[in-house]
Structure formats: C-alpha cells, structure tokens
Amino acid sequence: MKKIITLTVNDTAYEVAVTPWQTLLDVLRDELGLIGTKKGCDVGTCGVCTVIMERKAVLSCLLLAVECEGHNITTIEGISSPDSLHPIQTSFIENGAIQCGFCTPGIIMTSKALLDENPQPTDDQIKEALAGTFCRCTGHIKIMEAVKKVAQPADEDQDNGE
C-alpha cells in the first residue's frame, strides 16, 4: 500500500513510493541514498538525524515522509558544494569539534539552522539550540567554539555570551 510522493531534497525533486508509516529518515537513507543523515536513537532524543525543513531544524526520525511532501528539505549533503565545504563544516574541522563523526551531521545541521535564523547568537542561544543533540566523543565545548567562530566575524574579539 505505497503512495507516490514528491520530496524536494537539496533542491532536487524526487518521486518516491513510500508506505504511510515510513519516516523521512528512512526514505532519505534507504530510498534516496542520502546516508549522511544518521540513524541514532530513532525516537527523537539524540538529534543525529537532524535535517533542515523550511529553514528549521527537524528530527527526521519523527516525521513521516508523507508529511514532508511540498516542503523544502536540506540534508548534510546539500550544504556544501563539490569544491568547498560550508563554513560551519570548515569550522568544525578547524576547531576539533569532530571525533568519530557519527553525530556531526545532525549537530552541523542544527547549528546551520540556528545561524541562518540568528547570525549572532549568544552562548545561551547556542546551548539551547544544541540541547537536543548529543555527542558522546567530544562533549560540547569544541562544538560551541566552532559555532561561535562562524557566528562572529574573525576580527571581533568579544565574548558572544554577554
């Protein structure tokens, strides 16, 4: 009992046959081959499956694919170009905010959604945005540093939390 829907992912329209209970996460990974979005807890508590839908960070394991038809979805594969990484990706690398990398796509997508909405977030706003994401390898200190490096201009030396 599959239904054909059109999903717009990373600015490309895909026609895909889905069951009514298939999550966006499973469709992204299993049907579209976009495996950058990771499957962690599968119940919405870890944040590793985060994608951006209509400029908001959302948990793809909690959304049914049929609910996403007609919305613009961006995955980790859609934020860089073949020639260059997105600034937040570069900052994560330069600031050592990556260990095993499993949670990194979800945290990067959460950070990107925050910075797209608020280019100059305070420390508390960054912490609040990242509260639903978990990294068991690095903790969040280096992740906070990476987000702050992108949030404030390089020549600005002020504490972004004041």
C-alpha atoms as a PDB file:
ATOM      1  CA  MET A   1       0.000   0.000   0.000  1.00  0.00           C
ATOM      2  CA  LYS A   2       2.606   2.518  -1.149  1.00  0.00           C
ATOM      3  CA  LYS A   3       1.881   6.056  -2.215  1.00  0.00           C
ATOM      4  CA  ILE A   4       3.996   8.018  -4.682  1.00  0.00           C
ATOM      5  CA  ILE A   5       5.046  11.378  -3.286  1.00  0.00           C
ATOM      6  CA  THR A   6       7.434  14.071  -4.411  1.00  0.00           C
ATOM      7  CA  LEU A   7      10.072  15.161  -1.943  1.00  0.00           C
ATOM      8  CA  THR A   8      12.252  18.182  -2.597  1.00  0.00           C
ATOM      9  CA  VAL A   9      15.607  17.402  -1.044  1.00  0.00           C
ATOM     10  CA  ASN A  10      18.687  19.574  -1.557  1.00  0.00           C
ATOM     11  CA  ASP A  11      16.873  21.474  -4.315  1.00  0.00           C
ATOM     12  CA  THR A  12      16.094  18.306  -6.277  1.00  0.00           C
ATOM     13  CA  ALA A  13      12.589  16.852  -6.655  1.00  0.00           C
ATOM     14  CA  TYR A  14      12.378  13.087  -6.128  1.00  0.00           C
ATOM     15  CA  GLU A  15       9.356  10.919  -6.850  1.00  0.00           C
ATOM     16  CA  VAL A  16       9.388   8.082  -4.365  1.00  0.00           C
ATOM     17  CA  ALA A  17       6.973   5.334  -3.389  1.00  0.00           C
ATOM     18  CA  VAL A  18       6.527   5.248   0.387  1.00  0.00           C
ATOM     19  CA  THR A  19       4.389   3.429   2.889  1.00  0.00           C
ATOM     20  CA  PRO A  20       2.277   5.626   5.181  1.00  0.00           C
ATOM     21  CA  TRP A  21       4.493   4.754   8.180  1.00  0.00           C
ATOM     22  CA  GLN A  22       7.907   5.370   6.599  1.00  0.00           C
ATOM     23  CA  THR A  23       9.874   8.108   8.289  1.00  0.00           C
ATOM     24  CA  LEU A  24      11.660  10.840   6.429  1.00  0.00           C
ATOM     25  CA  LEU A  25      14.912   9.450   7.840  1.00  0.00           C
ATOM     26  CA  ASP A  26      14.323   6.008   6.348  1.00  0.00           C
ATOM     27  CA  VAL A  27      13.315   7.446   2.976  1.00  0.00           C
ATOM     28  CA  LEU A  28      16.375   9.709   2.857  1.00  0.00           C
ATOM     29  CA  ARG A  29      18.730   6.836   3.660  1.00  0.00           C
ATOM     30  CA  ASP A  30      17.058   3.794   2.094  1.00  0.00           C
ATOM     31  CA  GLU A  31      15.225   5.221  -0.912  1.00  0.00           C
ATOM     32  CA  LEU A  32      17.286   8.280  -1.880  1.00  0.00           C
ATOM     33  CA  GLY A  33      20.720   7.027  -0.791  1.00  0.00           C
ATOM     34  CA  LEU A  34      21.432  10.149   1.265  1.00  0.00           C
ATOM     35  CA  ILE A  35      23.253   8.391   4.087  1.00  0.00           C
ATOM     36  CA  GLY A  36      24.821  11.497   5.622  1.00  0.00           C
ATOM     37  CA  THR A  37      21.772  11.794   7.857  1.00  0.00           C
ATOM     38  CA  LYS A  38      22.392   9.233  10.573  1.00  0.00           C
ATOM     39  CA  LYS A  39      20.030   6.943  12.463  1.00  0.00           C
ATOM     40  CA  GLY A  40      20.722   7.036  16.175  1.00  0.00           C
ATOM     41  CA  CYS A  41      18.033   6.522  18.790  1.00  0.00           C
ATOM     42  CA  ASP A  42      15.137   6.511  16.281  1.00  0.00           C
ATOM     43  CA  VAL A  43      12.865   8.082  18.927  1.00  0.00           C
ATOM     44  CA  GLY A  44      13.825  11.762  18.762  1.00  0.00           C
ATOM     45  CA  THR A  45      16.166  12.082  21.730  1.00  0.00           C
ATOM     46  CA  CYS A  46      19.695  12.189  20.255  1.00  0.00           C
ATOM     47  CA  GLY A  47      19.460  14.672  17.364  1.00  0.00           C
ATOM     48  CA  VAL A  48      21.766  12.813  14.972  1.00  0.00           C
ATOM     49  CA  CYS A  49      19.029  12.607  12.327  1.00  0.00           C
ATOM     50  CA  THR A  50      18.526  16.388  12.173  1.00  0.00           C
ATOM     51  CA  VAL A  51      17.804  17.920   8.776  1.00  0.00           C
ATOM     52  CA  ILE A  52      16.506  21.358   7.855  1.00  0.00           C
ATOM     53  CA  MET A  53      12.942  21.681   6.604  1.00  0.00           C
ATOM     54  CA  GLU A  54      11.688  25.123   5.666  1.00  0.00           C
ATOM     55  CA  ARG A  55      14.682  26.714   7.436  1.00  0.00           C
ATOM     56  CA  LYS A  56      14.030  24.904  10.741  1.00  0.00           C
ATOM     57  CA  ALA A  57      15.996  22.060  12.294  1.00  0.00           C
ATOM     58  CA  VAL A  58      13.765  18.977  12.488  1.00  0.00           C
ATOM     59  CA  LEU A  59      14.246  15.387  13.588  1.00  0.00           C
ATOM     60  CA  SER A  60      13.787  13.234  10.510  1.00  0.00           C
ATOM     61  CA  CYS A  61      13.132  10.100  12.602  1.00  0.00           C
ATOM     62  CA  LEU A  62       9.945  11.685  13.962  1.00  0.00           C
ATOM     63  CA  LEU A  63       8.492  12.875  10.650  1.00  0.00           C
ATOM     64  CA  LEU A  64       6.534  10.675   8.309  1.00  0.00           C
ATOM     65  CA  ALA A  65       7.760  11.075   4.746  1.00  0.00           C
ATOM     66  CA  VAL A  66       4.207  11.716   3.521  1.00  0.00           C
ATOM     67  CA  GLU A  67       4.058  14.765   5.841  1.00  0.00           C
ATOM     68  CA  CYS A  68       7.100  16.252   4.120  1.00  0.00           C
ATOM     69  CA  GLU A  69       5.708  16.438   0.618  1.00  0.00           C
ATOM     70  CA  GLY A  70       5.635  20.044  -0.567  1.00  0.00           C
ATOM     71  CA  HIS A  71       8.366  21.161   1.847  1.00  0.00           C
ATOM     72  CA  ASN A  72      11.984  22.029   1.120  1.00  0.00           C
ATOM     73  CA  ILE A  73      14.351  19.676   2.919  1.00  0.00           C
ATOM     74  CA  THR A  74      18.107  20.114   3.244  1.00  0.00           C
ATOM     75  CA  THR A  75      20.422  17.347   4.368  1.00  0.00           C
ATOM     76  CA  ILE A  76      24.124  17.480   5.203  1.00  0.00           C
ATOM     77  CA  GLU A  77      24.831  16.583   1.553  1.00  0.00           C
ATOM     78  CA  GLY A  78      23.072  19.769   0.453  1.00  0.00           C
ATOM     79  CA  ILE A  79      25.015  22.419   2.366  1.00  0.00           C
ATOM     80  CA  SER A  80      28.381  22.173   0.622  1.00  0.00           C
ATOM     81  CA  SER A  81      29.464  22.237  -2.988  1.00  0.00           C
ATOM     82  CA  PRO A  82      31.814  19.810  -4.733  1.00  0.00           C
ATOM     83  CA  ASP A  83      34.521  22.486  -4.459  1.00  0.00           C
ATOM     84  CA  SER A  84      34.099  23.700  -0.888  1.00  0.00           C
ATOM     85  CA  LEU A  85      32.640  22.889   2.485  1.00  0.00           C
ATOM     86  CA  HIS A  86      30.061  25.069   4.194  1.00  0.00           C
ATOM     87  CA  PRO A  87      31.716  27.486   6.680  1.00  0.00           C
ATOM     88  CA  ILE A  88      30.207  25.610   9.635  1.00  0.00           C
ATOM     89  CA  GLN A  89      31.724  22.350   8.364  1.00  0.00           C
ATOM     90  CA  THR A  90      35.117  24.024   7.996  1.00  0.00           C
ATOM     91  CA  SER A  91      34.847  25.490  11.485  1.00  0.00           C
ATOM     92  CA  PHE A  92      34.041  22.096  12.993  1.00  0.00           C
ATOM     93  CA  ILE A  93      37.178  20.656  11.382  1.00  0.00           C
ATOM     94  CA  GLU A  94      39.423  23.591  12.325  1.00  0.00           C
ATOM     95  CA  ASN A  95      38.186  23.628  15.939  1.00  0.00           C
ATOM     96  CA  GLY A  96      38.433  19.896  16.548  1.00  0.00           C
ATOM     97  CA  ALA A  97      34.680  19.574  17.057  1.00  0.00           C
ATOM     98  CA  ILE A  98      34.618  16.166  15.384  1.00  0.00           C
ATOM     99  CA  GLN A  99      35.674  12.839  16.840  1.00  0.00           C
ATOM    100  CA  CYS A 100      34.033   9.722  15.399  1.00  0.00           C
ATOM    101  CA  GLY A 101      31.753  11.876  13.216  1.00  0.00           C
ATOM    102  CA  PHE A 102      28.536   9.937  13.754  1.00  0.00           C
ATOM    103  CA  CYS A 103      26.641  12.799  15.404  1.00  0.00           C
ATOM    104  CA  THR A 104      28.388  15.524  13.401  1.00  0.00           C
ATOM    105  CA  PRO A 105      25.887  15.853  10.517  1.00  0.00           C
ATOM    106  CA  GLY A 106      22.969  16.385  12.920  1.00  0.00           C
ATOM    107  CA  ILE A 107      24.891  18.883  15.029  1.00  0.00           C
ATOM    108  CA  ILE A 108      26.066  20.763  11.947  1.00  0.00           C
ATOM    109  CA  MET A 109      22.522  20.946  10.576  1.00  0.00           C
ATOM    110  CA  THR A 110      21.224  22.161  13.953  1.00  0.00           C
ATOM    111  CA  SER A 111      23.982  24.789  14.073  1.00  0.00           C
ATOM    112  CA  LYS A 112      23.314  25.889  10.497  1.00  0.00           C
ATOM    113  CA  ALA A 113      19.591  26.344  11.187  1.00  0.00           C
ATOM    114  CA  LEU A 114      20.446  28.429  14.256  1.00  0.00           C
ATOM    115  CA  LEU A 115      22.939  30.631  12.391  1.00  0.00           C
ATOM    116  CA  ASP A 116      20.573  31.069   9.433  1.00  0.00           C
ATOM    117  CA  GLU A 117      17.909  32.354  11.825  1.00  0.00           C
ATOM    118  CA  ASN A 118      20.251  34.239  14.158  1.00  0.00           C
ATOM    119  CA  PRO A 119      23.702  35.035  12.725  1.00  0.00           C
ATOM    120  CA  GLN A 120      24.950  36.397  16.081  1.00  0.00           C
ATOM    121  CA  PRO A 121      23.605  34.038  18.769  1.00  0.00           C
ATOM    122  CA  THR A 122      24.680  34.318  22.380  1.00  0.00           C
ATOM    123  CA  ASP A 123      26.310  31.400  24.169  1.00  0.00           C
ATOM    124  CA  ASP A 124      22.988  30.632  25.831  1.00  0.00           C
ATOM    125  CA  GLN A 125      21.182  30.616  22.475  1.00  0.00           C
ATOM    126  CA  ILE A 126      23.776  28.223  21.041  1.00  0.00           C
ATOM    127  CA  LYS A 127      23.444  25.956  24.084  1.00  0.00           C
ATOM    128  CA  GLU A 128      19.658  25.999  23.793  1.00  0.00           C
ATOM    129  CA  ALA A 129      19.759  25.152  20.072  1.00  0.00           C
ATOM    130  CA  LEU A 130      22.204  22.301  20.680  1.00  0.00           C
ATOM    131  CA  ALA A 131      20.384  20.961  23.749  1.00  0.00           C
ATOM    132  CA  GLY A 132      18.690  18.223  21.726  1.00  0.00           C
ATOM    133  CA  THR A 133      21.904  16.921  20.167  1.00  0.00           C
ATOM    134  CA  PHE A 134      24.334  14.562  21.828  1.00  0.00           C
ATOM    135  CA  CYS A 135      27.974  13.834  21.155  1.00  0.00           C
ATOM    136  CA  ARG A 136      29.481  11.084  23.260  1.00  0.00           C
ATOM    137  CA  CYS A 137      33.008  11.670  21.977  1.00  0.00           C
ATOM    138  CA  THR A 138      33.807  15.387  22.234  1.00  0.00           C
ATOM    139  CA  GLY A 139      31.330  16.950  24.587  1.00  0.00           C
ATOM    140  CA  HIS A 140      30.102  20.349  23.533  1.00  0.00           C
ATOM    141  CA  ILE A 141      32.962  22.729  24.337  1.00  0.00           C
ATOM    142  CA  LYS A 142      34.680  22.416  20.964  1.00  0.00           C
ATOM    143  CA  ILE A 143      31.327  22.342  19.222  1.00  0.00           C
ATOM    144  CA  MET A 144      30.383  25.631  20.922  1.00  0.00           C
ATOM    145  CA  GLU A 145      33.729  27.104  19.826  1.00  0.00           C
ATOM    146  CA  ALA A 146      33.144  26.004  16.226  1.00  0.00           C
ATOM    147  CA  VAL A 147      29.672  27.578  16.109  1.00  0.00           C
ATOM    148  CA  LYS A 148      30.927  30.797  17.696  1.00  0.00           C
ATOM    149  CA  LYS A 149      33.740  31.096  15.125  1.00  0.00           C
ATOM    150  CA  VAL A 150      31.186  31.145  12.329  1.00  0.00           C
ATOM    151  CA  ALA A 151      28.757  33.347  14.277  1.00  0.00           C
ATOM    152  CA  GLN A 152      31.076  36.258  14.873  1.00  0.00           C
ATOM    153  CA  PRO A 153      33.376  37.997  12.411  1.00  0.00           C
ATOM    154  CA  ALA A 154      37.027  36.913  12.674  1.00  0.00           C
ATOM    155  CA  ASP A 155      38.173  40.376  13.748  1.00  0.00           C
ATOM    156  CA  GLU A 156      35.631  40.591  16.576  1.00  0.00           C
ATOM    157  CA  ASP A 157      37.186  39.612  19.903  1.00  0.00           C
ATOM    158  CA  GLN A 158      34.237  39.970  22.240  1.00  0.00           C
ATOM    159  CA  ASP A 159      32.629  37.230  24.304  1.00  0.00           C
ATOM    160  CA  ASN A 160      29.437  36.356  22.467  1.00  0.00           C
ATOM    161  CA  GLY A 161      27.690  35.383  25.705  1.00  0.00           C
ATOM    162  CA  GLU A 162      27.483  38.838  27.271  1.00  0.00           C
END
